[in-house]
Full PDB file with SEQRES, HELIX, SHEET, SSBOND, CRYST1, ORIGX, SCALE, CONECT and MASTER records, all heavy atoms in Angstrom:
SEQRES   1 A   39  ASN LEU ALA LEU ALA PHE PRO PHE TRP VAL TYR ALA ARG          
SEQRES   2 A   39  PHE PRO GLN LEU PRO GLY ALA LEU SER THR SER ILE LEU          
SEQRES   3 A   39  VAL VAL TRP VAL VAL ALA PHE VAL LEU ASN TYR ALA LEU          
HELIX    1 AA1 LEU A    2  ARG A   13  1                                  12    
HELIX    2 AA2 GLY A   19  ALA A   38  1                                  20    
CRYST1    1.000    1.000    1.000  90.00  90.00  90.00 P 1           1          
ORIGX1      1.000000  0.000000  0.000000        0.00000                         
ORIGX2      0.000000  1.000000  0.000000        0.00000                         
ORIGX3      0.000000  0.000000  1.000000        0.00000                         
SCALE1      1.000000  0.000000  0.000000        0.00000                         
SCALE2      0.000000  1.000000  0.000000        0.00000                         
SCALE3      0.000000  0.000000  1.000000        0.00000                         
ATOM      1  N   ASN A   1     101.839  93.143 102.850  1.00  0.00           N  
ATOM      2  CA  ASN A   1     101.827  94.444 103.480  1.00  0.00           C  
ATOM      3  C   ASN A   1     101.270  94.398 104.908  1.00  0.00           C  
ATOM      4  O   ASN A   1     101.763  95.140 105.807  1.00  0.00           O  
ATOM      5  CB  ASN A   1     101.064  95.485 102.669  1.00  0.00           C  
ATOM      6  CG  ASN A   1     101.874  95.945 101.492  1.00  0.00           C  
ATOM      7  OD1 ASN A   1     103.088  96.229 101.588  1.00  0.00           O  
ATOM      8  ND2 ASN A   1     101.273  95.986 100.309  1.00  0.00           N  
ATOM      9  N   LEU A   2     100.352  93.512 105.161  1.00  0.00           N  
ATOM     10  CA  LEU A   2      99.928  93.239 106.535  1.00  0.00           C  
ATOM     11  C   LEU A   2     101.081  92.715 107.400  1.00  0.00           C  
ATOM     12  O   LEU A   2     101.223  93.062 108.539  1.00  0.00           O  
ATOM     13  CB  LEU A   2      98.728  92.318 106.585  1.00  0.00           C  
ATOM     14  CG  LEU A   2      97.398  92.968 106.114  1.00  0.00           C  
ATOM     15  CD1 LEU A   2      96.301  91.903 106.042  1.00  0.00           C  
ATOM     16  CD2 LEU A   2      96.981  94.105 106.927  1.00  0.00           C  
ATOM     17  N   ALA A   3     101.838  91.821 106.761  1.00  0.00           N  
ATOM     18  CA  ALA A   3     103.015  91.305 107.480  1.00  0.00           C  
ATOM     19  C   ALA A   3     104.038  92.365 107.699  1.00  0.00           C  
ATOM     20  O   ALA A   3     104.739  92.351 108.741  1.00  0.00           O  
ATOM     21  CB  ALA A   3     103.608  90.121 106.679  1.00  0.00           C  
ATOM     22  N   LEU A   4     104.149  93.314 106.803  1.00  0.00           N  
ATOM     23  CA  LEU A   4     105.087  94.463 107.048  1.00  0.00           C  
ATOM     24  C   LEU A   4     104.558  95.357 108.141  1.00  0.00           C  
ATOM     25  O   LEU A   4     105.386  95.954 108.907  1.00  0.00           O  
ATOM     26  CB  LEU A   4     105.276  95.274 105.736  1.00  0.00           C  
ATOM     27  CG  LEU A   4     106.099  94.677 104.659  1.00  0.00           C  
ATOM     28  CD1 LEU A   4     105.980  95.479 103.374  1.00  0.00           C  
ATOM     29  CD2 LEU A   4     107.551  94.633 105.116  1.00  0.00           C  
ATOM     30  N   ALA A   5     103.221  95.544 108.278  1.00  0.00           N  
ATOM     31  CA  ALA A   5     102.670  96.416 109.281  1.00  0.00           C  
ATOM     32  C   ALA A   5     102.676  95.700 110.684  1.00  0.00           C  
ATOM     33  O   ALA A   5     102.702  96.423 111.719  1.00  0.00           O  
ATOM     34  CB  ALA A   5     101.305  96.833 108.905  1.00  0.00           C  
ATOM     35  N   PHE A   6     102.602  94.428 110.696  1.00  0.00           N  
ATOM     36  CA  PHE A   6     102.463  93.703 111.966  1.00  0.00           C  
ATOM     37  C   PHE A   6     103.553  94.005 112.997  1.00  0.00           C  
ATOM     38  O   PHE A   6     103.262  94.249 114.168  1.00  0.00           O  
ATOM     39  CB  PHE A   6     102.374  92.209 111.697  1.00  0.00           C  
ATOM     40  CG  PHE A   6     102.289  91.334 112.940  1.00  0.00           C  
ATOM     41  CD1 PHE A   6     101.096  91.319 113.680  1.00  0.00           C  
ATOM     42  CD2 PHE A   6     103.376  90.588 113.392  1.00  0.00           C  
ATOM     43  CE1 PHE A   6     100.972  90.597 114.812  1.00  0.00           C  
ATOM     44  CE2 PHE A   6     103.246  89.851 114.526  1.00  0.00           C  
ATOM     45  CZ  PHE A   6     102.044  89.832 115.232  1.00  0.00           C  
ATOM     46  N   PRO A   7     104.842  93.982 112.655  1.00  0.00           N  
ATOM     47  CA  PRO A   7     105.865  94.309 113.604  1.00  0.00           C  
ATOM     48  C   PRO A   7     105.713  95.728 114.265  1.00  0.00           C  
ATOM     49  O   PRO A   7     105.949  95.885 115.420  1.00  0.00           O  
ATOM     50  CB  PRO A   7     107.161  94.264 112.849  1.00  0.00           C  
ATOM     51  CG  PRO A   7     106.869  93.354 111.686  1.00  0.00           C  
ATOM     52  CD  PRO A   7     105.476  93.601 111.343  1.00  0.00           C  
ATOM     53  N   PHE A   8     105.274  96.659 113.445  1.00  0.00           N  
ATOM     54  CA  PHE A   8     105.066  98.011 114.031  1.00  0.00           C  
ATOM     55  C   PHE A   8     103.905  98.015 115.070  1.00  0.00           C  
ATOM     56  O   PHE A   8     103.987  98.650 116.063  1.00  0.00           O  
ATOM     57  CB  PHE A   8     104.785  99.045 112.925  1.00  0.00           C  
ATOM     58  CG  PHE A   8     105.951  99.217 112.029  1.00  0.00           C  
ATOM     59  CD1 PHE A   8     105.954  98.735 110.706  1.00  0.00           C  
ATOM     60  CD2 PHE A   8     107.048  99.877 112.453  1.00  0.00           C  
ATOM     61  CE1 PHE A   8     106.988  98.922 109.897  1.00  0.00           C  
ATOM     62  CE2 PHE A   8     108.193 100.056 111.637  1.00  0.00           C  
ATOM     63  CZ  PHE A   8     108.147  99.561 110.349  1.00  0.00           C  
ATOM     64  N   TRP A   9     102.853  97.219 114.794  1.00  0.00           N  
ATOM     65  CA  TRP A   9     101.766  97.109 115.723  1.00  0.00           C  
ATOM     66  C   TRP A   9     102.279  96.445 116.997  1.00  0.00           C  
ATOM     67  O   TRP A   9     101.917  96.844 118.113  1.00  0.00           O  
ATOM     68  CB  TRP A   9     100.639  96.295 115.079  1.00  0.00           C  
ATOM     69  CG  TRP A   9      99.480  96.031 116.043  1.00  0.00           C  
ATOM     70  CD1 TRP A   9      98.490  96.969 116.337  1.00  0.00           C  
ATOM     71  CD2 TRP A   9      99.267  94.946 116.815  1.00  0.00           C  
ATOM     72  NE1 TRP A   9      97.659  96.401 117.263  1.00  0.00           N  
ATOM     73  CE2 TRP A   9      98.101  95.165 117.571  1.00  0.00           C  
ATOM     74  CE3 TRP A   9      99.909  93.701 116.927  1.00  0.00           C  
ATOM     75  CZ2 TRP A   9      97.571  94.195 118.442  1.00  0.00           C  
ATOM     76  CZ3 TRP A   9      99.380  92.795 117.822  1.00  0.00           C  
ATOM     77  CH2 TRP A   9      98.250  93.014 118.562  1.00  0.00           C  
ATOM     78  N   VAL A  10     103.021  95.374 116.831  1.00  0.00           N  
ATOM     79  CA  VAL A  10     103.529  94.629 117.999  1.00  0.00           C  
ATOM     80  C   VAL A  10     104.411  95.471 118.843  1.00  0.00           C  
ATOM     81  O   VAL A  10     104.304  95.553 120.076  1.00  0.00           O  
ATOM     82  CB  VAL A  10     104.284  93.346 117.579  1.00  0.00           C  
ATOM     83  CG1 VAL A  10     105.032  92.721 118.759  1.00  0.00           C  
ATOM     84  CG2 VAL A  10     103.307  92.366 117.010  1.00  0.00           C  
ATOM     85  N   TYR A  11     105.321  96.262 118.225  1.00  0.00           N  
ATOM     86  CA  TYR A  11     106.236  97.099 119.009  1.00  0.00           C  
ATOM     87  C   TYR A  11     105.469  98.255 119.675  1.00  0.00           C  
ATOM     88  O   TYR A  11     105.834  98.713 120.775  1.00  0.00           O  
ATOM     89  CB  TYR A  11     107.332  97.674 118.137  1.00  0.00           C  
ATOM     90  CG  TYR A  11     108.444  96.672 117.938  1.00  0.00           C  
ATOM     91  CD1 TYR A  11     108.829  96.318 116.641  1.00  0.00           C  
ATOM     92  CD2 TYR A  11     109.105  96.092 118.990  1.00  0.00           C  
ATOM     93  CE1 TYR A  11     109.823  95.397 116.436  1.00  0.00           C  
ATOM     94  CE2 TYR A  11     110.134  95.174 118.794  1.00  0.00           C  
ATOM     95  CZ  TYR A  11     110.468  94.852 117.511  1.00  0.00           C  
ATOM     96  OH  TYR A  11     111.476  93.933 117.314  1.00  0.00           O  
ATOM     97  N   ALA A  12     104.444  98.748 119.013  1.00  0.00           N  
ATOM     98  CA  ALA A  12     103.662  99.781 119.661  1.00  0.00           C  
ATOM     99  C   ALA A  12     102.863  99.273 120.862  1.00  0.00           C  
ATOM    100  O   ALA A  12     102.680  99.956 121.857  1.00  0.00           O  
ATOM    101  CB  ALA A  12     102.736 100.434 118.652  1.00  0.00           C  
ATOM    102  N   ARG A  13     102.404  98.066 120.717  1.00  0.00           N  
ATOM    103  CA  ARG A  13     101.570  97.485 121.758  1.00  0.00           C  
ATOM    104  C   ARG A  13     102.439  96.935 122.920  1.00  0.00           C  
ATOM    105  O   ARG A  13     101.998  97.023 124.087  1.00  0.00           O  
ATOM    106  CB  ARG A  13     100.767  96.352 121.131  1.00  0.00           C  
ATOM    107  CG  ARG A  13      99.828  95.658 122.021  1.00  0.00           C  
ATOM    108  CD  ARG A  13      98.460  96.190 121.797  1.00  0.00           C  
ATOM    109  NE  ARG A  13      97.566  95.386 122.549  1.00  0.00           N  
ATOM    110  CZ  ARG A  13      96.500  95.837 123.158  1.00  0.00           C  
ATOM    111  NH1 ARG A  13      96.143  97.062 122.981  1.00  0.00           N  
ATOM    112  NH2 ARG A  13      95.761  95.061 123.845  1.00  0.00           N  
ATOM    113  N   PHE A  14     103.573  96.296 122.621  1.00  0.00           N  
ATOM    114  CA  PHE A  14     104.416  95.684 123.607  1.00  0.00           C  
ATOM    115  C   PHE A  14     105.865  96.147 123.460  1.00  0.00           C  
ATOM    116  O   PHE A  14     106.677  95.499 122.825  1.00  0.00           O  
ATOM    117  CB  PHE A  14     104.419  94.155 123.431  1.00  0.00           C  
ATOM    118  CG  PHE A  14     103.039  93.519 123.413  1.00  0.00           C  
ATOM    119  CD1 PHE A  14     102.515  93.129 122.193  1.00  0.00           C  
ATOM    120  CD2 PHE A  14     102.260  93.397 124.501  1.00  0.00           C  
ATOM    121  CE1 PHE A  14     101.259  92.582 122.122  1.00  0.00           C  
ATOM    122  CE2 PHE A  14     101.021  92.883 124.443  1.00  0.00           C  
ATOM    123  CZ  PHE A  14     100.492  92.455 123.227  1.00  0.00           C  
ATOM    124  N   PRO A  15     106.165  97.364 124.008  1.00  0.00           N  
ATOM    125  CA  PRO A  15     107.501  97.946 123.760  1.00  0.00           C  
ATOM    126  C   PRO A  15     108.668  97.114 124.417  1.00  0.00           C  
ATOM    127  O   PRO A  15     109.793  97.247 124.041  1.00  0.00           O  
ATOM    128  CB  PRO A  15     107.406  99.343 124.346  1.00  0.00           C  
ATOM    129  CG  PRO A  15     106.202  99.350 125.181  1.00  0.00           C  
ATOM    130  CD  PRO A  15     105.315  98.235 124.723  1.00  0.00           C  
ATOM    131  N   GLN A  16     108.366  96.312 125.466  1.00  0.00           N  
ATOM    132  CA  GLN A  16     109.401  95.629 126.175  1.00  0.00           C  
ATOM    133  C   GLN A  16     109.466  94.189 125.760  1.00  0.00           C  
ATOM    134  O   GLN A  16     109.309  93.269 126.574  1.00  0.00           O  
ATOM    135  CB  GLN A  16     109.167  95.732 127.729  1.00  0.00           C  
ATOM    136  CG  GLN A  16     109.154  97.158 128.236  1.00  0.00           C  
ATOM    137  CD  GLN A  16     110.503  97.855 127.991  1.00  0.00           C  
ATOM    138  OE1 GLN A  16     111.540  97.248 127.944  1.00  0.00           O  
ATOM    139  NE2 GLN A  16     110.417  99.187 127.801  1.00  0.00           N  
ATOM    140  N   LEU A  17     109.647  93.929 124.502  1.00  0.00           N  
ATOM    141  CA  LEU A  17     109.692  92.489 123.989  1.00  0.00           C  
ATOM    142  C   LEU A  17     110.995  91.837 124.338  1.00  0.00           C  
ATOM    143  O   LEU A  17     112.020  92.482 124.331  1.00  0.00           O  
ATOM    144  CB  LEU A  17     109.483  92.446 122.488  1.00  0.00           C  
ATOM    145  CG  LEU A  17     108.092  92.698 121.969  1.00  0.00           C  
ATOM    146  CD1 LEU A  17     108.091  92.736 120.451  1.00  0.00           C  
ATOM    147  CD2 LEU A  17     107.187  91.654 122.433  1.00  0.00           C  
ATOM    148  N   PRO A  18     110.955  90.515 124.601  1.00  0.00           N  
ATOM    149  CA  PRO A  18     112.241  89.820 124.747  1.00  0.00           C  
ATOM    150  C   PRO A  18     113.039  89.854 123.454  1.00  0.00           C  
ATOM    151  O   PRO A  18     112.480  89.958 122.379  1.00  0.00           O  
ATOM    152  CB  PRO A  18     111.797  88.364 125.066  1.00  0.00           C  
ATOM    153  CG  PRO A  18     110.338  88.429 125.352  1.00  0.00           C  
ATOM    154  CD  PRO A  18     109.792  89.693 124.834  1.00  0.00           C  
ATOM    155  N   GLY A  19     114.345  89.701 123.594  1.00  0.00           N  
ATOM    156  CA  GLY A  19     115.250  89.805 122.414  1.00  0.00           C  
ATOM    157  C   GLY A  19     114.978  88.809 121.380  1.00  0.00           C  
ATOM    158  O   GLY A  19     114.962  89.160 120.208  1.00  0.00           O  
ATOM    159  N   ALA A  20     114.653  87.589 121.705  1.00  0.00           N  
ATOM    160  CA  ALA A  20     114.424  86.519 120.717  1.00  0.00           C  
ATOM    161  C   ALA A  20     113.166  86.800 119.909  1.00  0.00           C  
ATOM    162  O   ALA A  20     113.137  86.594 118.682  1.00  0.00           O  
ATOM    163  CB  ALA A  20     114.345  85.131 121.385  1.00  0.00           C  
ATOM    164  N   LEU A  21     112.172  87.296 120.600  1.00  0.00           N  
ATOM    165  CA  LEU A  21     110.881  87.606 119.900  1.00  0.00           C  
ATOM    166  C   LEU A  21     111.032  88.810 118.989  1.00  0.00           C  
ATOM    167  O   LEU A  21     110.611  88.769 117.822  1.00  0.00           O  
ATOM    168  CB  LEU A  21     109.804  87.860 120.916  1.00  0.00           C  
ATOM    169  CG  LEU A  21     108.396  88.118 120.283  1.00  0.00           C  
ATOM    170  CD1 LEU A  21     107.926  86.889 119.495  1.00  0.00           C  
ATOM    171  CD2 LEU A  21     107.371  88.411 121.396  1.00  0.00           C  
ATOM    172  N   SER A  22     111.785  89.770 119.442  1.00  0.00           N  
ATOM    173  CA  SER A  22     111.975  90.927 118.524  1.00  0.00           C  
ATOM    174  C   SER A  22     112.843  90.610 117.338  1.00  0.00           C  
ATOM    175  O   SER A  22     112.653  91.138 116.244  1.00  0.00           O  
ATOM    176  CB  SER A  22     112.583  92.106 119.303  1.00  0.00           C  
ATOM    177  OG  SER A  22     113.824  91.771 119.820  1.00  0.00           O  
ATOM    178  N   THR A  23     113.853  89.676 117.529  1.00  0.00           N  
ATOM    179  CA  THR A  23     114.683  89.207 116.365  1.00  0.00           C  
ATOM    180  C   THR A  23     113.765  88.454 115.383  1.00  0.00           C  
ATOM    181  O   THR A  23     113.927  88.623 114.175  1.00  0.00           O  
ATOM    182  CB  THR A  23     115.773  88.363 116.845  1.00  0.00           C  
ATOM    183  OG1 THR A  23     116.550  89.105 117.865  1.00  0.00           O  
ATOM    184  CG2 THR A  23     116.690  87.900 115.741  1.00  0.00           C  
ATOM    185  N   SER A  24     112.901  87.631 115.836  1.00  0.00           N  
ATOM    186  CA  SER A  24     112.076  86.863 114.907  1.00  0.00           C  
ATOM    187  C   SER A  24     111.090  87.758 114.145  1.00  0.00           C  
ATOM    188  O   SER A  24     110.818  87.563 112.997  1.00  0.00           O  
ATOM    189  CB  SER A  24     111.299  85.759 115.658  1.00  0.00           C  
ATOM    190  OG  SER A  24     110.425  86.330 116.634  1.00  0.00           O  
ATOM    191  N   ILE A  25     110.621  88.770 114.831  1.00  0.00           N  
ATOM    192  CA  ILE A  25     109.717  89.763 114.192  1.00  0.00           C  
ATOM    193  C   ILE A  25     110.533  90.519 113.081  1.00  0.00           C  
ATOM    194  O   ILE A  25     110.030  90.782 112.002  1.00  0.00           O  
ATOM    195  CB  ILE A  25     109.085  90.726 115.179  1.00  0.00           C  
ATOM    196  CG1 ILE A  25     108.043  89.924 116.015  1.00  0.00           C  
ATOM    197  CG2 ILE A  25     108.464  91.928 114.498  1.00  0.00           C  
ATOM    198  CD1 ILE A  25     107.411  90.726 117.106  1.00  0.00           C  
ATOM    199  N   LEU A  26     111.784  90.826 113.393  1.00  0.00           N  
ATOM    200  CA  LEU A  26     112.584  91.511 112.417  1.00  0.00           C  
ATOM    201  C   LEU A  26     112.854  90.654 111.170  1.00  0.00           C  
ATOM    202  O   LEU A  26     112.812  91.114 110.087  1.00  0.00           O  
ATOM    203  CB  LEU A  26     113.965  91.955 113.005  1.00  0.00           C  
ATOM    204  CG  LEU A  26     114.932  92.633 112.100  1.00  0.00           C  
ATOM    205  CD1 LEU A  26     114.377  93.981 111.608  1.00  0.00           C  
ATOM    206  CD2 LEU A  26     116.280  92.814 112.765  1.00  0.00           C  
ATOM    207  N   VAL A  27     113.066  89.381 111.389  1.00  0.00           N  
ATOM    208  CA  VAL A  27     113.232  88.435 110.285  1.00  0.00           C  
ATOM    209  C   VAL A  27     111.980  88.405 109.401  1.00  0.00           C  
ATOM    210  O   VAL A  27     112.019  88.407 108.206  1.00  0.00           O  
ATOM    211  CB  VAL A  27     113.622  87.034 110.785  1.00  0.00           C  
ATOM    212  CG1 VAL A  27     113.541  86.020 109.717  1.00  0.00           C  
ATOM    213  CG2 VAL A  27     115.015  87.067 111.422  1.00  0.00           C  
ATOM    214  N   VAL A  28     110.803  88.310 110.036  1.00  0.00           N  
ATOM    215  CA  VAL A  28     109.562  88.280 109.319  1.00  0.00           C  
ATOM    216  C   VAL A  28     109.368  89.615 108.497  1.00  0.00           C  
ATOM    217  O   VAL A  28     109.055  89.522 107.368  1.00  0.00           O  
ATOM    218  CB  VAL A  28     108.334  88.140 110.274  1.00  0.00           C  
ATOM    219  CG1 VAL A  28     107.016  88.456 109.574  1.00  0.00           C  
ATOM    220  CG2 VAL A  28     108.322  86.762 110.831  1.00  0.00           C  
ATOM    221  N   TRP A  29     109.792  90.731 109.060  1.00  0.00           N  
ATOM    222  CA  TRP A  29     109.665  91.995 108.351  1.00  0.00           C  
ATOM    223  C   TRP A  29     110.577  92.050 107.159  1.00  0.00           C  
ATOM    224  O   TRP A  29     110.222  92.433 106.116  1.00  0.00           O  
ATOM    225  CB  TRP A  29     110.006  93.160 109.341  1.00  0.00           C  
ATOM    226  CG  TRP A  29     109.631  94.435 108.729  1.00  0.00           C  
ATOM    227  CD1 TRP A  29     108.442  95.080 108.732  1.00  0.00           C  
ATOM    228  CD2 TRP A  29     110.501  95.320 107.965  1.00  0.00           C  
ATOM    229  NE1 TRP A  29     108.500  96.284 108.024  1.00  0.00           N  
ATOM    230  CE2 TRP A  29     109.721  96.464 107.595  1.00  0.00           C  
ATOM    231  CE3 TRP A  29     111.828  95.251 107.578  1.00  0.00           C  
ATOM    232  CZ2 TRP A  29     110.284  97.453 106.806  1.00  0.00           C  
ATOM    233  CZ3 TRP A  29     112.344  96.268 106.856  1.00  0.00           C  
ATOM    234  CH2 TRP A  29     111.553  97.409 106.451  1.00  0.00           C  
ATOM    235  N   VAL A  30     111.851  91.547 107.292  1.00  0.00           N  
ATOM    236  CA  VAL A  30     112.767  91.551 106.232  1.00  0.00           C  
ATOM    237  C   VAL A  30     112.272  90.640 105.026  1.00  0.00           C  
ATOM    238  O   VAL A  30     112.334  91.029 103.902  1.00  0.00           O  
ATOM    239  CB  VAL A  30     114.199  91.134 106.675  1.00  0.00           C  
ATOM    240  CG1 VAL A  30     115.120  90.870 105.520  1.00  0.00           C  
ATOM    241  CG2 VAL A  30     114.769  92.248 107.571  1.00  0.00           C  
ATOM    242  N   VAL A  31     111.829  89.484 105.389  1.00  0.00           N  
ATOM    243  CA  VAL A  31     111.280  88.579 104.349  1.00  0.00           C  
ATOM    244  C   VAL A  31     110.111  89.204 103.642  1.00  0.00           C  
ATOM    245  O   VAL A  31     110.015  89.132 102.437  1.00  0.00           O  
ATOM    246  CB  VAL A  31     110.928  87.200 105.015  1.00  0.00           C  
ATOM    247  CG1 VAL A  31     110.106  86.371 104.041  1.00  0.00           C  
ATOM    248  CG2 VAL A  31     112.189  86.480 105.482  1.00  0.00           C  
ATOM    249  N   ALA A  32     109.189  89.783 104.412  1.00  0.00           N  
ATOM    250  CA  ALA A  32     108.039  90.392 103.795  1.00  0.00           C  
ATOM    251  C   ALA A  32     108.415  91.596 102.915  1.00  0.00           C  
ATOM    252  O   ALA A  32     107.845  91.780 101.860  1.00  0.00           O  
ATOM    253  CB  ALA A  32     107.060  90.870 104.871  1.00  0.00           C  
ATOM    254  N   PHE A  33     109.432  92.350 103.305  1.00  0.00           N  
ATOM    255  CA  PHE A  33     109.880  93.467 102.496  1.00  0.00           C  
ATOM    256  C   PHE A  33     110.453  92.992 101.222  1.00  0.00           C  
ATOM    257  O   PHE A  33     110.169  93.550 100.110  1.00  0.00           O  
ATOM    258  CB  PHE A  33     110.921  94.313 103.320  1.00  0.00           C  
ATOM    259  CG  PHE A  33     111.446  95.487 102.540  1.00  0.00           C  
ATOM    260  CD1 PHE A  33     110.684  96.612 102.469  1.00  0.00           C  
ATOM    261  CD2 PHE A  33     112.627  95.447 101.882  1.00  0.00           C  
ATOM    262  CE1 PHE A  33     111.127  97.727 101.750  1.00  0.00           C  
ATOM    263  CE2 PHE A  33     113.071  96.530 101.161  1.00  0.00           C  
ATOM    264  CZ  PHE A  33     112.330  97.671 101.091  1.00  0.00           C  
ATOM    265  N   VAL A  34     111.300  91.938 101.213  1.00  0.00           N  
ATOM    266  CA  VAL A  34     111.915  91.434 100.036  1.00  0.00           C  
ATOM    267  C   VAL A  34     110.835  90.855  99.077  1.00  0.00           C  
ATOM    268  O   VAL A  34     110.918  91.064  97.881  1.00  0.00           O  
ATOM    269  CB  VAL A  34     113.011  90.333 100.335  1.00  0.00           C  
ATOM    270  CG1 VAL A  34     113.444  89.596  99.100  1.00  0.00           C  
ATOM    271  CG2 VAL A  34     114.166  91.010 101.086  1.00  0.00           C  
ATOM    272  N   LEU A  35     109.859  90.141  99.621  1.00  0.00           N  
ATOM    273  CA  LEU A  35     108.730  89.628  98.825  1.00  0.00           C  
ATOM    274  C   LEU A  35     107.995  90.768  98.150  1.00  0.00           C  
ATOM    275  O   LEU A  35     107.610  90.709  96.992  1.00  0.00           O  
ATOM    276  CB  LEU A  35     107.809  88.763  99.633  1.00  0.00           C  
ATOM    277  CG  LEU A  35     108.332  87.404 100.073  1.00  0.00           C  
ATOM    278  CD1 LEU A  35     107.344  86.701 100.981  1.00  0.00           C  
ATOM    279  CD2 LEU A  35     108.770  86.525  98.959  1.00  0.00           C  
ATOM    280  N   ASN A  36     107.743  91.819  98.901  1.00  0.00           N  
ATOM    281  CA  ASN A  36     107.007  92.967  98.415  1.00  0.00           C  
ATOM    282  C   ASN A  36     107.851  93.676  97.315  1.00  0.00           C  
ATOM    283  O   ASN A  36     107.295  94.078  96.258  1.00  0.00           O  
ATOM    284  CB  ASN A  36     106.704  93.940  99.564  1.00  0.00           C  
ATOM    285  CG  ASN A  36     105.631  94.959  99.172  1.00  0.00           C  
ATOM    286  OD1 ASN A  36     104.807  94.686  98.317  1.00  0.00           O  
ATOM    287  ND2 ASN A  36     105.680  96.087  99.795  1.00  0.00           N  
ATOM    288  N   TYR A  37     109.108  93.808  97.494  1.00  0.00           N  
ATOM    289  CA  TYR A  37     109.977  94.472  96.485  1.00  0.00           C  
ATOM    290  C   TYR A  37     110.035  93.605  95.203  1.00  0.00           C  
ATOM    291  O   TYR A  37     109.938  94.138  94.112  1.00  0.00           O  
ATOM    292  CB  TYR A  37     111.402  94.627  97.077  1.00  0.00           C  
ATOM    293  CG  TYR A  37     112.240  95.550  96.340  1.00  0.00           C  
ATOM    294  CD1 TYR A  37     112.083  96.936  96.451  1.00  0.00           C  
ATOM    295  CD2 TYR A  37     113.177  95.114  95.410  1.00  0.00           C  
ATOM    296  CE1 TYR A  37     112.879  97.830  95.766  1.00  0.00           C  
ATOM    297  CE2 TYR A  37     113.968  95.993  94.687  1.00  0.00           C  
ATOM    298  CZ  TYR A  37     113.823  97.370  94.877  1.00  0.00           C  
ATOM    299  OH  TYR A  37     114.595  98.196  94.167  1.00  0.00           O  
ATOM    300  N   ALA A  38     110.138  92.281  95.319  1.00  0.00           N  
ATOM    301  CA  ALA A  38     110.154  91.400  94.189  1.00  0.00           C  
ATOM    302  C   ALA A  38     108.864  91.473  93.434  1.00  0.00           C  
ATOM    303  O   ALA A  38     108.880  91.528  92.158  1.00  0.00           O  
ATOM    304  CB  ALA A  38     110.501  89.943  94.606  1.00  0.00           C  
ATOM    305  N   LEU A  39     107.770  91.484  94.110  1.00  0.00           N  
ATOM    306  CA  LEU A  39     106.444  91.518  93.462  1.00  0.00           C  
ATOM    307  C   LEU A  39     106.278  92.873  92.794  1.00  0.00           C  
ATOM    308  O   LEU A  39     105.823  92.919  91.612  1.00  0.00           O  
ATOM    309  CB  LEU A  39     105.341  91.378  94.508  1.00  0.00           C  
ATOM    310  CG  LEU A  39     103.918  91.450  94.018  1.00  0.00           C  
ATOM    311  CD1 LEU A  39     103.622  90.352  92.989  1.00  0.00           C  
ATOM    312  CD2 LEU A  39     102.973  91.433  95.167  1.00  0.00           C  
TER     313      LEU A  39                                                      
MASTER        0    0    0    2    0    0    0    6  312    1    0    3          
END                                                                             
């Protein structure tokens, strides 16, 4: 759940992220969401 909240914190703190970084954060969020759902 901390991993799920992290991207929201990053986007709130740094709204002008480069595309590659925002894509990697989205991947982390999707993986964390699936793990949370499975658990």
